[in-house]
N, C-alpha and C. Protein backbone atom coordinates (compact mmCIF):
# COMPACT_ATOMS: atom_id res chain seq x y z
N MET A 1 -61.08 -76.96 -81.75
CA MET A 1 -61.78 -78.02 -81.07
C MET A 1 -61.04 -79.33 -81.32
N SER A 2 -60.92 -80.17 -80.33
CA SER A 2 -60.22 -81.44 -80.49
C SER A 2 -61.17 -82.53 -80.96
N PHE A 3 -60.57 -83.56 -81.54
CA PHE A 3 -61.30 -84.70 -82.06
C PHE A 3 -61.62 -85.65 -80.91
N ALA A 4 -62.88 -86.10 -80.84
CA ALA A 4 -63.27 -87.02 -79.77
C ALA A 4 -64.15 -88.13 -80.34
N TYR A 5 -63.80 -89.39 -80.05
CA TYR A 5 -64.66 -90.50 -80.45
C TYR A 5 -65.90 -90.50 -79.58
N ALA A 6 -67.04 -90.87 -80.19
CA ALA A 6 -68.30 -90.79 -79.45
C ALA A 6 -69.33 -91.74 -80.03
N ARG A 7 -70.31 -92.07 -79.21
CA ARG A 7 -71.50 -92.72 -79.72
C ARG A 7 -72.32 -91.59 -80.32
N LEU A 8 -72.57 -91.66 -81.61
CA LEU A 8 -73.29 -90.58 -82.28
C LEU A 8 -74.79 -90.68 -82.10
N THR A 9 -75.30 -91.91 -81.91
CA THR A 9 -76.74 -92.09 -81.69
C THR A 9 -76.97 -93.16 -80.64
N GLU A 10 -78.04 -93.02 -79.94
CA GLU A 10 -78.53 -94.11 -79.10
C GLU A 10 -79.18 -95.13 -80.02
N ILE A 11 -79.44 -96.31 -79.53
CA ILE A 11 -80.13 -97.31 -80.34
C ILE A 11 -81.54 -96.80 -80.65
N THR A 12 -81.87 -96.84 -81.93
CA THR A 12 -83.19 -96.43 -82.38
C THR A 12 -83.65 -97.39 -83.46
N THR A 13 -84.89 -97.30 -83.87
CA THR A 13 -85.41 -98.20 -84.90
C THR A 13 -85.65 -97.45 -86.20
N LEU A 14 -85.61 -98.21 -87.29
CA LEU A 14 -85.90 -97.66 -88.61
C LEU A 14 -87.38 -97.84 -88.92
N GLY A 15 -87.89 -96.98 -89.79
CA GLY A 15 -89.29 -97.05 -90.19
C GLY A 15 -89.44 -97.47 -91.64
N VAL A 16 -90.66 -97.50 -92.12
CA VAL A 16 -90.93 -97.89 -93.50
C VAL A 16 -90.76 -96.73 -94.49
N SER A 17 -90.60 -95.53 -93.97
CA SER A 17 -90.19 -94.40 -94.80
C SER A 17 -88.93 -93.84 -94.16
N ALA A 18 -88.13 -93.15 -94.95
CA ALA A 18 -86.83 -92.67 -94.48
C ALA A 18 -86.97 -91.79 -93.23
N VAL A 19 -86.20 -92.13 -92.20
CA VAL A 19 -86.19 -91.36 -90.96
C VAL A 19 -84.76 -90.88 -90.70
N GLN A 20 -84.65 -89.73 -90.06
CA GLN A 20 -83.34 -89.21 -89.69
C GLN A 20 -82.81 -90.03 -88.51
N VAL A 21 -81.66 -90.63 -88.71
CA VAL A 21 -81.01 -91.39 -87.66
C VAL A 21 -80.02 -90.49 -86.93
N TYR A 22 -79.35 -89.62 -87.69
CA TYR A 22 -78.36 -88.72 -87.11
C TYR A 22 -78.38 -87.41 -87.87
N THR A 23 -78.33 -86.31 -87.14
CA THR A 23 -78.21 -84.98 -87.73
C THR A 23 -76.95 -84.34 -87.21
N ASN A 24 -76.09 -83.88 -88.11
CA ASN A 24 -74.84 -83.25 -87.70
C ASN A 24 -75.12 -81.97 -86.91
N PRO A 25 -74.53 -81.84 -85.71
CA PRO A 25 -74.75 -80.63 -84.91
C PRO A 25 -74.14 -79.38 -85.58
N THR A 26 -74.77 -78.25 -85.37
CA THR A 26 -74.27 -76.97 -85.89
C THR A 26 -72.86 -76.71 -85.37
N GLY A 27 -71.98 -76.26 -86.27
CA GLY A 27 -70.62 -75.91 -85.89
C GLY A 27 -69.73 -77.11 -85.61
N THR A 28 -70.14 -78.28 -86.02
CA THR A 28 -69.40 -79.52 -85.74
C THR A 28 -69.13 -80.27 -87.03
N THR A 29 -67.99 -80.93 -87.08
CA THR A 29 -67.72 -81.89 -88.15
C THR A 29 -67.85 -83.27 -87.54
N SER A 30 -68.69 -84.10 -88.13
CA SER A 30 -68.88 -85.47 -87.65
C SER A 30 -68.23 -86.44 -88.63
N TYR A 31 -67.63 -87.50 -88.08
CA TYR A 31 -67.01 -88.55 -88.87
C TYR A 31 -67.70 -89.86 -88.51
N VAL A 32 -68.60 -90.32 -89.36
CA VAL A 32 -69.32 -91.57 -89.09
C VAL A 32 -68.41 -92.73 -89.48
N ARG A 33 -68.05 -93.56 -88.50
CA ARG A 33 -67.11 -94.66 -88.76
C ARG A 33 -67.75 -96.03 -88.66
N THR A 34 -68.71 -96.22 -87.76
CA THR A 34 -69.32 -97.54 -87.56
C THR A 34 -70.83 -97.39 -87.42
N LEU A 35 -71.56 -98.24 -88.13
CA LEU A 35 -73.01 -98.33 -87.99
C LEU A 35 -73.31 -99.78 -87.65
N ILE A 36 -74.20 -99.99 -86.68
CA ILE A 36 -74.58 -101.34 -86.26
C ILE A 36 -76.08 -101.49 -86.47
N LEU A 37 -76.44 -102.48 -87.28
CA LEU A 37 -77.83 -102.80 -87.56
C LEU A 37 -78.17 -104.13 -86.91
N HIS A 38 -79.35 -104.24 -86.34
CA HIS A 38 -79.79 -105.52 -85.79
C HIS A 38 -81.25 -105.75 -86.18
N ASN A 39 -81.50 -106.92 -86.79
CA ASN A 39 -82.84 -107.29 -87.21
C ASN A 39 -83.48 -108.15 -86.12
N THR A 40 -84.54 -107.65 -85.51
CA THR A 40 -85.24 -108.40 -84.46
C THR A 40 -86.34 -109.29 -85.02
N ASN A 41 -86.57 -109.19 -86.33
CA ASN A 41 -87.63 -109.95 -86.97
C ASN A 41 -87.21 -111.40 -87.21
N THR A 42 -88.17 -112.30 -87.35
CA THR A 42 -87.88 -113.70 -87.68
C THR A 42 -87.74 -113.88 -89.19
N LEU A 43 -87.89 -112.80 -89.95
CA LEU A 43 -87.70 -112.80 -91.39
C LEU A 43 -86.62 -111.79 -91.75
N GLY A 44 -86.01 -111.93 -92.92
CA GLY A 44 -85.04 -110.94 -93.38
C GLY A 44 -85.70 -109.59 -93.59
N GLU A 45 -84.94 -108.53 -93.36
CA GLU A 45 -85.45 -107.17 -93.53
C GLU A 45 -84.55 -106.40 -94.49
N ALA A 46 -85.14 -105.83 -95.54
CA ALA A 46 -84.41 -104.98 -96.47
C ALA A 46 -84.15 -103.63 -95.79
N VAL A 47 -82.88 -103.21 -95.80
CA VAL A 47 -82.47 -101.95 -95.15
C VAL A 47 -81.73 -101.10 -96.17
N THR A 48 -82.05 -99.80 -96.19
CA THR A 48 -81.35 -98.85 -97.04
C THR A 48 -80.95 -97.66 -96.18
N LEU A 49 -79.69 -97.22 -96.34
CA LEU A 49 -79.17 -96.07 -95.60
C LEU A 49 -78.70 -95.00 -96.58
N TYR A 50 -78.85 -93.74 -96.15
CA TYR A 50 -78.55 -92.60 -97.00
C TYR A 50 -77.69 -91.58 -96.26
N ASN A 51 -76.73 -90.99 -96.96
CA ASN A 51 -75.95 -89.86 -96.48
C ASN A 51 -76.52 -88.63 -97.18
N VAL A 52 -77.39 -87.90 -96.49
CA VAL A 52 -78.18 -86.83 -97.11
C VAL A 52 -77.59 -85.47 -96.77
N PRO A 53 -77.08 -84.75 -97.77
CA PRO A 53 -76.58 -83.40 -97.51
C PRO A 53 -77.73 -82.43 -97.26
N ASP A 54 -77.38 -81.30 -96.63
CA ASP A 54 -78.43 -80.31 -96.39
C ASP A 54 -78.94 -79.77 -97.72
N SER A 55 -80.13 -79.19 -97.69
CA SER A 55 -80.76 -78.64 -98.87
C SER A 55 -81.12 -77.19 -98.57
N SER A 56 -80.23 -76.27 -98.94
CA SER A 56 -80.44 -74.83 -98.70
C SER A 56 -80.74 -74.57 -97.22
N ASN A 57 -79.87 -75.07 -96.35
CA ASN A 57 -79.98 -74.91 -94.89
C ASN A 57 -81.22 -75.56 -94.31
N ALA A 58 -81.69 -76.62 -94.94
CA ALA A 58 -82.79 -77.42 -94.41
C ALA A 58 -82.43 -78.89 -94.61
N THR A 59 -83.14 -79.77 -93.94
CA THR A 59 -82.87 -81.19 -94.07
C THR A 59 -83.21 -81.66 -95.48
N GLY A 60 -82.28 -82.39 -96.09
CA GLY A 60 -82.47 -82.89 -97.45
C GLY A 60 -83.33 -84.15 -97.46
N THR A 61 -83.55 -84.66 -98.65
CA THR A 61 -84.41 -85.82 -98.86
C THR A 61 -83.58 -87.03 -99.27
N ALA A 62 -83.86 -88.17 -98.66
CA ALA A 62 -83.19 -89.42 -99.04
C ALA A 62 -83.56 -89.77 -100.47
N ALA A 63 -82.54 -90.14 -101.28
CA ALA A 63 -82.76 -90.50 -102.67
C ALA A 63 -81.66 -91.44 -103.13
N ALA A 64 -81.86 -92.07 -104.27
CA ALA A 64 -80.86 -93.00 -104.80
C ALA A 64 -79.49 -92.35 -104.94
N ALA A 65 -79.45 -91.07 -105.23
CA ALA A 65 -78.18 -90.36 -105.42
C ALA A 65 -77.33 -90.28 -104.15
N ASN A 66 -77.96 -90.41 -102.96
CA ASN A 66 -77.18 -90.33 -101.72
C ASN A 66 -77.24 -91.62 -100.90
N GLN A 67 -77.63 -92.70 -101.54
CA GLN A 67 -77.67 -94.02 -100.89
C GLN A 67 -76.25 -94.58 -100.75
N PHE A 68 -75.92 -95.13 -99.57
CA PHE A 68 -74.61 -95.76 -99.42
C PHE A 68 -74.68 -97.20 -98.93
N TYR A 69 -75.85 -97.68 -98.58
CA TYR A 69 -75.98 -99.08 -98.14
C TYR A 69 -77.37 -99.58 -98.50
N LYS A 70 -77.42 -100.78 -99.08
CA LYS A 70 -78.71 -101.42 -99.34
C LYS A 70 -78.47 -102.93 -99.34
N ASP A 71 -79.13 -103.61 -98.41
CA ASP A 71 -78.96 -105.05 -98.30
C ASP A 71 -80.09 -105.60 -97.44
N THR A 72 -80.22 -106.91 -97.44
CA THR A 72 -81.17 -107.57 -96.57
C THR A 72 -80.43 -108.08 -95.34
N VAL A 73 -80.88 -107.67 -94.17
CA VAL A 73 -80.30 -108.16 -92.92
C VAL A 73 -81.10 -109.41 -92.56
N THR A 74 -80.40 -110.53 -92.44
CA THR A 74 -81.10 -111.79 -92.20
C THR A 74 -81.75 -111.82 -90.81
N SER A 75 -82.63 -112.77 -90.65
CA SER A 75 -83.40 -112.93 -89.42
C SER A 75 -82.51 -112.95 -88.18
N GLU A 76 -82.85 -112.10 -87.21
CA GLU A 76 -82.18 -112.04 -85.91
C GLU A 76 -80.66 -111.95 -86.03
N ASP A 77 -80.20 -111.19 -87.02
CA ASP A 77 -78.77 -111.03 -87.28
C ASP A 77 -78.33 -109.60 -86.99
N THR A 78 -77.04 -109.43 -86.77
CA THR A 78 -76.43 -108.12 -86.55
C THR A 78 -75.40 -107.87 -87.63
N VAL A 79 -75.42 -106.66 -88.20
CA VAL A 79 -74.49 -106.28 -89.25
C VAL A 79 -73.68 -105.08 -88.77
N PHE A 80 -72.35 -105.18 -88.88
CA PHE A 80 -71.46 -104.07 -88.57
C PHE A 80 -70.99 -103.47 -89.88
N ILE A 81 -71.23 -102.18 -90.06
CA ILE A 81 -70.76 -101.48 -91.25
C ILE A 81 -69.62 -100.58 -90.81
N GLU A 82 -68.41 -100.90 -91.28
CA GLU A 82 -67.22 -100.12 -90.94
C GLU A 82 -66.86 -99.23 -92.13
N ILE A 83 -66.78 -97.93 -91.90
CA ILE A 83 -66.40 -96.97 -92.94
C ILE A 83 -64.93 -96.63 -92.74
N PRO A 84 -64.08 -96.85 -93.74
CA PRO A 84 -62.66 -96.54 -93.59
C PRO A 84 -62.43 -95.06 -93.27
N ALA A 85 -61.34 -94.76 -92.57
CA ALA A 85 -60.99 -93.39 -92.20
C ALA A 85 -60.90 -92.52 -93.45
N PRO A 86 -61.40 -91.33 -93.39
CA PRO A 86 -61.90 -90.64 -92.22
C PRO A 86 -63.35 -90.94 -91.89
N GLY A 87 -64.03 -91.77 -92.67
CA GLY A 87 -65.44 -92.05 -92.44
C GLY A 87 -66.31 -91.19 -93.34
N ILE A 88 -67.58 -91.20 -93.08
CA ILE A 88 -68.50 -90.28 -93.78
C ILE A 88 -68.36 -88.94 -93.08
N VAL A 89 -67.84 -87.95 -93.79
CA VAL A 89 -67.57 -86.64 -93.20
C VAL A 89 -68.80 -85.75 -93.40
N MET A 90 -69.32 -85.25 -92.29
CA MET A 90 -70.51 -84.41 -92.32
C MET A 90 -70.15 -83.04 -91.74
N THR A 91 -70.36 -81.98 -92.52
CA THR A 91 -69.98 -80.64 -92.06
C THR A 91 -71.15 -79.67 -91.94
N GLY A 92 -72.20 -79.86 -92.73
CA GLY A 92 -73.34 -78.96 -92.70
C GLY A 92 -74.25 -79.25 -91.52
N SER A 93 -74.88 -78.19 -90.99
CA SER A 93 -75.72 -78.37 -89.80
C SER A 93 -77.01 -79.14 -90.08
N HIS A 94 -77.33 -79.36 -91.34
CA HIS A 94 -78.53 -80.15 -91.68
C HIS A 94 -78.16 -81.41 -92.45
N ASP A 95 -76.87 -81.79 -92.44
CA ASP A 95 -76.46 -83.06 -93.03
C ASP A 95 -77.01 -84.18 -92.15
N THR A 96 -77.56 -85.23 -92.77
CA THR A 96 -78.16 -86.31 -91.99
C THR A 96 -77.78 -87.68 -92.54
N ILE A 97 -77.83 -88.66 -91.66
CA ILE A 97 -77.87 -90.06 -92.06
C ILE A 97 -79.32 -90.47 -91.88
N GLN A 98 -79.91 -91.02 -92.93
CA GLN A 98 -81.30 -91.44 -92.88
C GLN A 98 -81.38 -92.92 -93.25
N GLY A 99 -82.40 -93.60 -92.74
CA GLY A 99 -82.55 -95.02 -93.02
C GLY A 99 -83.99 -95.44 -93.13
N VAL A 100 -84.19 -96.57 -93.79
CA VAL A 100 -85.52 -97.13 -93.99
C VAL A 100 -85.41 -98.65 -94.02
N CYS A 101 -86.45 -99.34 -93.57
CA CYS A 101 -86.48 -100.80 -93.68
C CYS A 101 -87.86 -101.25 -94.11
N HIS A 102 -88.00 -102.52 -94.41
CA HIS A 102 -89.23 -103.07 -94.97
C HIS A 102 -90.39 -103.06 -93.96
N THR A 103 -90.09 -103.38 -92.70
CA THR A 103 -91.13 -103.44 -91.66
C THR A 103 -90.73 -102.50 -90.52
N ALA A 104 -91.59 -101.57 -90.17
CA ALA A 104 -91.27 -100.57 -89.14
C ALA A 104 -90.92 -101.20 -87.80
N SER A 105 -89.93 -100.61 -87.15
CA SER A 105 -89.55 -100.90 -85.76
C SER A 105 -88.94 -102.27 -85.53
N LEU A 106 -88.53 -102.98 -86.58
CA LEU A 106 -87.94 -104.29 -86.38
C LEU A 106 -86.43 -104.33 -86.60
N VAL A 107 -85.87 -103.24 -87.14
CA VAL A 107 -84.42 -103.14 -87.31
C VAL A 107 -83.92 -101.96 -86.47
N THR A 108 -82.96 -102.25 -85.59
CA THR A 108 -82.37 -101.18 -84.79
C THR A 108 -81.07 -100.72 -85.44
N ILE A 109 -80.70 -99.48 -85.13
CA ILE A 109 -79.46 -98.91 -85.64
C ILE A 109 -78.81 -98.08 -84.55
N GLN A 110 -77.49 -98.12 -84.51
CA GLN A 110 -76.71 -97.20 -83.66
C GLN A 110 -75.45 -96.83 -84.44
N MET A 111 -74.89 -95.68 -84.11
CA MET A 111 -73.74 -95.17 -84.86
C MET A 111 -72.66 -94.66 -83.92
N TYR A 112 -71.41 -94.86 -84.36
CA TYR A 112 -70.24 -94.41 -83.62
C TYR A 112 -69.30 -93.69 -84.58
N GLY A 113 -68.53 -92.76 -84.06
CA GLY A 113 -67.58 -92.04 -84.89
C GLY A 113 -66.88 -90.96 -84.09
N GLY A 114 -66.49 -89.92 -84.79
CA GLY A 114 -65.78 -88.84 -84.14
C GLY A 114 -66.46 -87.52 -84.35
N LEU A 115 -66.21 -86.62 -83.41
CA LEU A 115 -66.73 -85.25 -83.49
C LEU A 115 -65.56 -84.28 -83.38
N GLU A 116 -65.64 -83.21 -84.14
CA GLU A 116 -64.57 -82.21 -84.10
C GLU A 116 -65.20 -80.83 -84.20
């Protein structure tokens, strides 16, 4: 299979508990290279992102051990997170990127990368 750059997710919002933003498709290797966060709130929003490996062929749980981003996105600001090549490499069919923010539905996220 050849490598193809792609939008990995449509724009979606984060919740107050960890939600799956992206799930690696079965039989595919995903390379997460860019994540874009946008805070629509008039206040800063604390955002945490996790690279969660599968757990015995099931979706794993977000925890401090798999956290890769934690910061406050300022009011009405956009943050670009660039992951150096090869990116976050996801190979398991239940590997996920999960995210959480302080106030539900006020921070959007979208992801870009490669599929192989």
